[in-house]
């Protein structure tokens, strides 16, 4: 089973090839590693999918193959049920190619014509490729899903591995060595059921893009945080129309892929099944609409790749752009339409785009978000929070990961007053343990927003102090999420851990939402024995007197010796 440690080793190998053997830098390591991991994952998942055509334990696919008796014909008639892997009609033979076929492909033939080569399934494929790089380009071009081409174009991968230009970053022989090293890793779903691409991206971001992680306020959201956040909201898909779920600063789209897996697992439980068939899984994802926006080009492509590998990209509307300044014709089209929003927006920006916000408000536009006021330039977290609230439907809910300063900062007390006192939008605040991120030690909390709180929850906010729910792991903490999830879902109160607080009390505290102000354990008072203390004091005094007498005696002896 592939582990996070395996991913780290592989990432280091790729980085060493690019930076040490080649002429690249950290950015080049990111730009080579992400697409090559995507490509390997696609081929390994497709190999795993094809294998089910020959295995009677998977009757849905095996019966289709048995009907046609020919793999290419089976692919032609069945591949659209798995659009992630679908190829163009003229490229059916390329559907069968595996990673080992690339490794074994003979290089540098000079014949300028179509040649036939035997693949791992014993069939033949036709190609004009003269080497492994050209074969990879041909396979990428064969995919029928236009989103795959978009991902690789955004990452500029085909240019980077172009056989004529590869010496600019990596020699051809070193690139082939990289391909052989990756052959040691199985990225199929069976061997890597977790979000392997997101974990790879997290590791790359941590080690090869430190300035992006720390100075631009962008932090990869660990899986424990996304899982806990999704479970606390406990989303349900509508039976009438699409359920719209969004992330306004989506990065690698881990919140969205976790959302999809959560609702799919709910369907498994409803059907009392261990696994869903392709059609059953599609029936679930067809009921949701994912909407994301991301400004960073590489992160945008990484997010689309993650959604693709989870089978969700065809149910996604993805926007590339700044959520604050490029809003109206992008994610802003879903204003007041989102049923759920999950987000971990950037922290500590010097300027989130305040001039755009001021101009929009002055012109009377985008008031769904700026109607609460325009936050100061350095209060970007509230600019994103207000954007989220503006996108939510009248019954929408959101979970937002934010730094602790958003709970009490004086400069945003006016906005907190509106959210708490006037609108009653804040359902809960959860204080998380520290040191959860790989790229920062910033302590964070969950803001849970609900535009349609139940009657029994109106006029109050549920607080959880989960700061001690962790296991220490070297230089970071692993959040033990079960208790916080259970207590939030059941709104269970426990002295020193969780509690409902009336909005009136919070308002009297100047809209301060600091969890420790409302939920804290009483410190145990130490019982002091006065007689014992006095005895110890007298004992110490006597010891000091004895030491002083000895010091004076020694001093007198030294003076006497000196006079002599």
Foldseek 3Di string as FASTA:
>chain_A
DDDLVNLLVLLVLLQCQQVVVWPHALLVSLLQVLVVVLLQLLQLQLQVVLVVCVPVVNVVNVVLCVVVVDSLVSCVVPVVLQLLQRFDNVFSVLSNAHLVCLLPDDAQDPDQDWDWDAHPVRDIGIDRDRHSLVVSVVSQNGRPDVLSVVLCVLSVNNVCSPQVPVRNGHHPVSVSVSSVVCVVDRNHCVVPVPLSSLSSVQSSCLPSVLCCVPVVQDFRDDLVVLLLLCLLVVDDFDPPAAAEEEEAAQQLNSNVLSNLVSHLVVVCVVVVHPDDDSVSSCVRLVRYAYEYEHADSNRQSNNLSSCSSSSNNVRYDYYHHQCLQPPVVGVVVLFQPHQEYEYEDGAQDQASPQVSLVVCVVVPHPCQQCVLPRAPRRVVVSSVVSVVSRNHHLFHKYKYKDFLCVQAPPRCLSSLCCCVPVQQFFAEKEFAAFFATSNDRGTIIITMTGNDDDPVRGQKYKYFYQRPQWDDDVRGTHGPSVVVSVCSNVVDDDAQGMDIDGSVVCVVVSSRRRRCVPHHHDDDDDDDDPVVVVVVVVVVVVVVVVVVVVVVVVVVVVVVVVVD
